[in-house]
């Protein structure tokens, strides 16, 4: 009998311990559920090529911005998935298909080929996924094809105009050899990219509109790449020599390469030749501060990337979005750069005092 009572007592103890453990486990689960009960918004971002200098700045800022949104949000978690299209349309098409299969809430698209953007956009719209196209502007019919599609970027015509105005506003209006004609080499980015087309056209239009006589010595495709920019500039300088007054580059990456070629040819920027780019990347700003670049045009990757994410979130929330969101370019010359440095130095001095 005593033995039976001991067994019953032991069983009751075990049961009570198990019950307490179960209650404790439920409380922990409840706490974890309460603490992690956030709505998740998944945004896929397809970048045409990670190796691009400007898009490296852009995508890094997008990541930083999403991180800051998550730090300040109590009810929503934004998950950004970035992929590298490697400048290959087939690769990017697979990535967009994968985003659709994964059920992304919105897609940010930096198209490899603007001429093929419609195919990708149509896939997303058919899957009821909003699309924010960035940086590489497709035909307007792609943007207006659905109220779920928009474009965030800067007006490439403005950037080209600003390049031309930087040269126009020089004391000699870009006529380095003083013969009355501004002779130039044009180094283009991607010929299918509207930014490249407009920068090429409008940089020269700014000169001709001002009554300046121009002559194109060479116009070649550099595909936004530094090494290609250097090779094209070197070839042009070897072929045309002192006739070259100005080298226009559709972006700073190619301008950095052209700067190296100019030095190798024994020429001096600001003295017997001029060089302009677009983007205001760090390498270009270094050249500008050393007087090895005449000027550049700042492509505001911070405002553009933030706007792209904000608009994607608006679309996910069912808010109406506009067709276009434009971010202005800014002219940057050596004098502007010097002024910025002086201001920073003055602020540092005042802070120290």
Protein backbone atom coordinates (compact mmCIF):
# COMPACT_ATOMS: atom_id res chain seq x y z
CA UNK A 1 0.00 0.00 0.00
CA UNK A 2 2.79 2.40 1.00
CA UNK A 3 4.59 1.49 -2.18
CA UNK A 4 1.47 2.32 -4.22
CA UNK A 5 1.13 5.74 -2.50
CA UNK A 6 4.74 6.56 -3.32
CA UNK A 7 4.15 5.70 -6.96
CA UNK A 8 1.01 7.87 -7.11
CA UNK A 9 2.84 10.76 -5.40
CA UNK A 10 5.73 10.48 -7.85
CA UNK A 11 3.34 10.49 -10.82
CA UNK A 12 1.55 13.59 -9.47
CA UNK A 13 4.90 15.39 -9.07
CA UNK A 14 5.94 14.55 -12.60
CA UNK A 15 2.56 15.72 -13.94
CA UNK A 16 2.76 19.05 -12.08
CA UNK A 17 6.33 19.67 -13.31
CA UNK A 18 5.29 18.93 -16.87
CA UNK A 19 2.31 21.29 -16.55
CA UNK A 20 4.52 24.10 -15.22
CA UNK A 21 7.02 23.56 -18.01
CA UNK A 22 4.23 23.66 -20.58
CA UNK A 23 2.85 26.89 -19.13
CA UNK A 24 6.28 28.47 -19.14
CA UNK A 25 6.82 27.41 -22.75
CA UNK A 26 3.52 28.96 -23.85
CA UNK A 27 4.40 32.26 -22.17
CA UNK A 28 7.74 32.39 -24.02
CA UNK A 29 6.04 31.59 -27.31
CA UNK A 30 3.40 34.24 -26.69
CA UNK A 31 6.07 36.83 -25.89
CA UNK A 32 8.04 35.97 -29.06
CA UNK A 33 4.87 36.17 -31.15
CA UNK A 34 3.91 39.53 -29.66
CA UNK A 35 7.44 40.91 -30.18
CA UNK A 36 7.78 39.76 -33.78
CA UNK A 37 4.30 40.49 -35.07
CA UNK A 38 5.31 42.89 -37.88
CA UNK A 39 3.90 43.14 -41.35
CA UNK A 40 6.62 42.17 -43.84
CA UNK A 41 6.94 44.03 -47.16
CA UNK A 42 9.21 42.34 -49.70
CA UNK A 43 10.82 44.54 -52.35
CA UNK A 44 12.96 43.06 -55.12
CA UNK A 45 15.52 45.34 -56.79
CA UNK A 46 17.02 44.24 -60.12
CA UNK A 47 20.19 46.23 -60.89
CA UNK A 48 21.47 46.15 -64.46
CA UNK A 49 25.12 45.75 -63.39
CA UNK A 50 26.79 45.88 -59.98
CA UNK A 51 30.12 46.94 -61.53
CA UNK A 52 28.66 50.28 -62.62
CA UNK A 53 30.18 53.04 -60.44
CA UNK A 54 26.98 55.05 -60.09
CA UNK A 55 24.72 52.06 -59.48
CA UNK A 56 27.09 50.90 -56.75
CA UNK A 57 26.43 54.18 -54.93
CA UNK A 58 22.72 53.87 -55.69
CA UNK A 59 22.16 50.33 -54.45
CA UNK A 60 24.29 50.86 -51.34
CA UNK A 61 22.21 53.91 -50.44
CA UNK A 62 19.01 51.92 -51.05
CA UNK A 63 20.18 49.30 -48.56
CA UNK A 64 21.10 51.96 -46.00
CA UNK A 65 17.76 53.70 -46.43
CA UNK A 66 15.72 50.51 -45.99
CA UNK A 67 17.75 49.74 -42.88
CA UNK A 68 16.91 53.18 -41.45
CA UNK A 69 13.21 52.66 -42.22
CA UNK A 70 13.25 49.35 -40.35
CA UNK A 71 14.98 50.93 -37.35
CA UNK A 72 12.22 53.54 -37.04
CA UNK A 73 9.25 51.29 -37.85
CA UNK A 74 7.28 49.52 -35.12
CA UNK A 75 4.74 47.70 -37.27
CA UNK A 76 6.38 47.01 -40.64
CA UNK A 77 9.59 45.28 -41.69
CA UNK A 78 10.90 46.05 -45.18
CA UNK A 79 13.00 43.35 -46.81
CA UNK A 80 15.06 44.44 -49.81
CA UNK A 81 16.43 41.75 -52.12
CA UNK A 82 19.06 43.02 -54.59
CA UNK A 83 20.25 41.08 -57.64
CA UNK A 84 22.97 41.75 -60.22
CA UNK A 85 21.84 41.54 -63.85
CA UNK A 86 25.50 41.45 -64.97
CA UNK A 87 24.49 43.60 -67.97
CA UNK A 88 22.80 40.54 -69.49
CA UNK A 89 19.15 40.70 -70.53
CA UNK A 90 18.58 36.93 -70.20
CA UNK A 91 19.95 36.98 -66.65
CA UNK A 92 17.73 39.89 -65.66
CA UNK A 93 14.67 38.25 -67.20
CA UNK A 94 15.28 35.15 -65.05
CA UNK A 95 15.65 37.37 -61.99
CA UNK A 96 12.35 39.14 -62.64
CA UNK A 97 10.63 35.77 -63.16
CA UNK A 98 12.08 34.65 -59.83
CA UNK A 99 10.84 37.81 -58.08
CA UNK A 100 7.34 37.15 -59.43
CA UNK A 101 7.46 33.50 -58.30
CA UNK A 102 8.60 34.62 -54.84
CA UNK A 103 5.61 36.93 -54.65
CA UNK A 104 7.45 40.20 -54.18
CA UNK A 105 5.19 43.04 -53.07
CA UNK A 106 6.99 45.52 -55.37
CA UNK A 107 9.86 45.44 -57.85
CA UNK A 108 12.44 48.16 -58.48
CA UNK A 109 13.83 47.72 -61.99
CA UNK A 110 17.06 49.13 -63.39
CA UNK A 111 16.75 47.61 -66.89
CA UNK A 112 19.68 46.11 -68.76
CA UNK A 113 18.05 47.18 -72.03
CA UNK A 114 15.55 50.01 -72.00
CA UNK A 115 14.24 48.78 -75.36
CA UNK A 116 13.25 45.49 -73.71
CA UNK A 117 11.88 46.96 -70.49
CA UNK A 118 8.27 46.54 -71.63
CA UNK A 119 8.54 42.75 -71.63
CA UNK A 120 9.66 42.73 -67.99
CA UNK A 121 7.16 45.37 -66.92
CA UNK A 122 4.27 43.49 -68.56
CA UNK A 123 5.21 40.34 -66.62
CA UNK A 124 5.10 42.24 -63.33
CA UNK A 125 1.83 44.04 -64.10
CA UNK A 126 0.22 40.75 -65.12
CA UNK A 127 1.24 39.37 -61.71
CA UNK A 128 -0.27 42.51 -60.07
CA UNK A 129 3.13 43.67 -58.78
CA UNK A 130 3.96 47.42 -58.89
CA UNK A 131 7.13 48.36 -60.80
CA UNK A 132 9.38 51.33 -60.10
CA UNK A 133 11.83 51.78 -63.00
CA UNK A 134 15.01 53.62 -62.05
CA UNK A 135 17.98 55.37 -63.66
CA UNK A 136 17.51 54.05 -67.21
CA UNK A 137 14.42 55.58 -68.74
CA UNK A 138 12.41 53.46 -71.22
CA UNK A 139 9.94 54.73 -73.80
CA UNK A 140 7.11 56.75 -72.28
CA UNK A 141 4.53 54.18 -73.41
CA UNK A 142 6.07 51.70 -70.93
CA UNK A 143 5.56 54.12 -68.05
CA UNK A 144 1.98 54.99 -68.97
CA UNK A 145 0.97 51.38 -69.70
CA UNK A 146 -0.33 50.84 -66.15
CA UNK A 147 -1.07 52.80 -62.99
CA UNK A 148 1.26 50.33 -61.25
CA UNK A 149 4.32 51.55 -63.19
CA UNK A 150 6.43 54.68 -62.73
CA UNK A 151 9.89 56.06 -63.36
CA UNK A 152 12.26 57.62 -60.82
CA UNK A 153 15.30 59.38 -62.22
CA UNK A 154 16.91 62.55 -63.45
CA UNK A 155 16.30 64.25 -66.79
CA UNK A 156 19.21 63.23 -69.01
CA UNK A 157 18.63 66.26 -71.24
CA UNK A 158 19.41 68.44 -68.23
CA UNK A 159 22.68 66.60 -67.54
CA UNK A 160 23.82 67.00 -71.13
CA UNK A 161 22.88 70.67 -71.14
CA UNK A 162 24.83 71.23 -67.92
CA UNK A 163 27.93 69.58 -69.41
CA UNK A 164 27.76 71.92 -72.38
CA UNK A 165 27.19 74.94 -70.15
CA UNK A 166 30.28 74.11 -68.09
CA UNK A 167 32.32 74.39 -71.31
CA UNK A 168 30.34 77.38 -72.60
CA UNK A 169 31.02 79.33 -69.42
CA UNK A 170 34.81 78.98 -69.64
CA UNK A 171 36.65 82.24 -70.48
CA UNK A 172 37.56 80.88 -73.93
CA UNK A 173 34.28 78.92 -74.27
CA UNK A 174 36.21 75.67 -74.64
CA UNK A 175 38.33 76.80 -77.58
CA UNK A 176 41.63 75.65 -76.07
CA UNK A 177 43.79 76.39 -79.13
CA UNK A 178 42.04 79.66 -79.94
CA UNK A 179 41.29 78.90 -83.59
CA UNK A 180 37.61 79.79 -83.32
CA UNK A 181 36.24 76.23 -83.38
CA UNK A 182 35.60 73.90 -80.43
CA UNK A 183 36.69 70.48 -81.64
CA UNK A 184 35.70 67.56 -79.45
CA UNK A 185 35.75 63.85 -78.81
CA UNK A 186 32.49 62.33 -77.54
CA UNK A 187 32.70 59.14 -75.44
CA UNK A 188 29.23 57.61 -75.15
CA UNK A 189 27.83 55.11 -72.70
CA UNK A 190 25.37 52.47 -73.90
CA UNK A 191 23.94 53.49 -77.30
CA UNK A 192 20.54 52.00 -76.38
CA UNK A 193 20.36 54.02 -73.19
CA UNK A 194 18.37 57.24 -73.46
CA UNK A 195 20.66 58.92 -70.91
CA UNK A 196 23.61 58.37 -73.23
CA UNK A 197 21.67 59.62 -76.22
CA UNK A 198 20.44 62.81 -74.54
CA UNK A 199 23.75 63.62 -72.85
CA UNK A 200 25.47 63.29 -76.22
CA UNK A 201 22.96 65.48 -78.02
CA UNK A 202 22.30 68.17 -75.43
CA UNK A 203 25.90 68.77 -74.35
CA UNK A 204 26.69 69.95 -77.87
CA UNK A 205 23.34 71.71 -78.28
CA UNK A 206 24.23 73.93 -75.30
CA UNK A 207 27.27 75.13 -77.26
CA UNK A 208 25.60 75.62 -80.61
CA UNK A 209 22.65 77.41 -78.95
CA UNK A 210 25.21 79.86 -77.59
CA UNK A 211 26.53 80.49 -81.11
CA UNK A 212 29.73 78.51 -80.62
CA UNK A 213 31.12 76.75 -83.69
CA UNK A 214 31.87 73.08 -83.03
CA UNK A 215 33.39 70.13 -84.86
CA UNK A 216 33.08 66.48 -83.87
CA UNK A 217 36.39 64.67 -84.32
CA UNK A 218 35.33 61.31 -82.86
CA UNK A 219 32.24 59.72 -81.33
CA UNK A 220 32.65 56.22 -79.90
CA UNK A 221 30.91 53.89 -77.47
CA UNK A 222 32.64 53.40 -74.12
CA UNK A 223 29.85 51.39 -72.41
CA UNK A 224 30.24 53.45 -69.21
CA UNK A 225 33.58 51.70 -68.53
CA UNK A 226 36.77 53.39 -67.29
CA UNK A 227 39.13 51.24 -69.34
CA UNK A 228 37.17 51.83 -72.53
CA UNK A 229 37.03 55.56 -71.85
CA UNK A 230 40.80 55.60 -71.48
CA UNK A 231 41.36 53.65 -74.70
CA UNK A 232 39.00 55.82 -76.78
CA UNK A 233 40.55 59.02 -75.44
CA UNK A 234 44.06 57.70 -76.08
CA UNK A 235 43.17 56.75 -79.65
CA UNK A 236 41.54 60.11 -80.30
CA UNK A 237 44.45 62.11 -78.89
CA UNK A 238 46.93 60.04 -80.91
CA UNK A 239 44.91 60.58 -84.10
CA UNK A 240 43.97 64.25 -83.73
CA UNK A 241 46.64 65.61 -81.39
CA UNK A 242 46.38 69.27 -80.45
CA UNK A 243 43.18 69.69 -82.46
CA UNK A 244 41.22 68.19 -79.55
CA UNK A 245 39.81 71.01 -77.39
CA UNK A 246 37.29 69.06 -75.30
CA UNK A 247 36.54 65.47 -74.35
CA UNK A 248 32.89 64.88 -73.38
CA UNK A 249 32.14 61.70 -71.43
CA UNK A 250 28.61 60.47 -70.75
CA UNK A 251 29.66 59.45 -67.24
CA UNK A 252 32.49 59.98 -64.75
CA UNK A 253 33.73 56.41 -65.00
CA UNK A 254 34.79 57.01 -68.61
CA UNK A 255 36.03 60.51 -67.71
CA UNK A 256 38.38 59.00 -65.12
CA UNK A 257 39.83 56.82 -67.89
CA UNK A 258 40.05 59.78 -70.28
CA UNK A 259 41.93 61.77 -67.63
CA UNK A 260 44.63 59.10 -67.52
CA UNK A 261 44.91 59.16 -71.32
CA UNK A 262 45.21 62.96 -71.33
CA UNK A 263 48.13 62.83 -68.91
CA UNK A 264 49.81 60.06 -70.89
CA UNK A 265 49.52 62.21 -74.02
CA UNK A 266 51.30 65.10 -72.29
CA UNK A 267 48.24 67.33 -72.26
CA UNK A 268 47.01 69.37 -69.28
CA UNK A 269 43.35 69.76 -68.35
CA UNK A 270 42.45 73.41 -67.90
CA UNK A 271 45.42 74.58 -69.95
CA UNK A 272 45.29 73.02 -73.41
CA UNK A 273 42.28 70.68 -73.16
CA UNK A 274 39.02 70.32 -71.22
CA UNK A 275 37.26 67.25 -69.82
CA UNK A 276 33.72 66.82 -68.47
CA UNK A 277 31.73 63.87 -67.08
CA UNK A 278 28.49 63.09 -65.24
CA UNK A 279 27.71 61.61 -61.78
CA UNK A 280 30.18 63.32 -59.37
CA UNK A 281 31.56 59.99 -58.14
CA UNK A 282 34.42 60.10 -55.62
CA UNK A 283 37.16 59.44 -58.19
CA UNK A 284 35.92 62.30 -60.36
CA UNK A 285 35.73 64.66 -57.40
CA UNK A 286 39.34 63.83 -56.56
CA UNK A 287 40.34 64.71 -60.14
CA UNK A 288 38.30 67.91 -59.95
CA UNK A 289 40.06 68.98 -56.75
CA UNK A 290 43.44 68.38 -58.42
CA UNK A 291 42.44 70.34 -61.51
CA UNK A 292 42.45 67.24 -63.71
CA UNK A 293 38.74 67.44 -64.57
CA UNK A 294 37.04 70.59 -65.84
CA UNK A 295 33.66 69.73 -64.37
CA UNK A 296 31.00 67.11 -63.79
CA UNK A 297 27.26 66.95 -63.19
CA UNK A 298 26.08 65.54 -59.88
CA UNK A 299 23.59 62.71 -60.33
CA UNK A 300 21.85 62.67 -56.95
CA UNK A 301 21.85 58.98 -56.04
CA UNK A 302 20.66 59.68 -52.49
CA UNK A 303 17.40 61.44 -53.40
CA UNK A 304 16.79 59.04 -56.29
CA UNK A 305 17.27 55.86 -54.26
CA UNK A 306 15.17 57.14 -51.35
CA UNK A 307 12.39 58.21 -53.70
CA UNK A 308 12.42 54.83 -55.45
CA UNK A 309 11.92 52.99 -52.16
CA UNK A 310 9.29 55.46 -50.92
CA UNK A 311 7.28 55.16 -54.14
CA UNK A 312 7.49 51.35 -54.06
CA UNK A 313 6.09 51.41 -50.51
CA UNK A 314 3.30 53.80 -51.55
CA UNK A 315 2.32 51.43 -54.36
CA UNK A 316 2.32 48.44 -51.99
CA UNK A 317 0.04 50.37 -49.65
CA UNK A 318 -2.41 50.93 -52.49
CA UNK A 319 -1.70 54.66 -52.78
CA UNK A 320 -1.79 56.32 -56.20
CA UNK A 321 1.62 56.93 -57.76
CA UNK A 322 2.65 59.42 -60.44
CA UNK A 323 4.13 58.43 -63.80
CA UNK A 324 7.41 60.29 -63.25
CA UNK A 325 9.47 61.43 -60.27
CA UNK A 326 12.28 63.75 -61.38
CA UNK A 327 15.40 64.57 -59.35
CA UNK A 328 17.44 67.55 -60.56
CA UNK A 329 21.08 67.32 -61.60
CA UNK A 330 23.64 69.84 -60.28
CA UNK A 331 26.62 71.37 -62.08
CA UNK A 332 29.94 70.87 -60.27
CA UNK A 333 33.11 72.70 -61.29
CA UNK A 334 36.47 73.14 -59.60
CA UNK A 335 35.35 76.48 -58.15
CA UNK A 336 32.23 74.84 -56.69
CA UNK A 337 34.37 72.07 -55.22
CA UNK A 338 36.80 74.58 -53.73
CA UNK A 339 33.93 76.52 -52.21
CA UNK A 340 32.57 73.36 -50.59
CA UNK A 341 36.00 72.55 -49.15
CA UNK A 342 36.41 76.10 -47.82
CA UNK A 343 32.97 75.92 -46.18
CA UNK A 344 33.83 72.61 -44.54
CA UNK A 345 37.16 74.04 -43.34
CA UNK A 346 35.44 77.12 -41.92
CA UNK A 347 32.87 74.94 -40.11
CA UNK A 348 35.68 72.83 -38.65
CA UNK A 349 37.54 75.95 -37.50
CA UNK A 350 34.42 77.43 -35.92
CA UNK A 351 33.67 74.16 -34.16
CA UNK A 352 37.24 74.02 -32.81
CA UNK A 353 36.99 77.63 -31.58
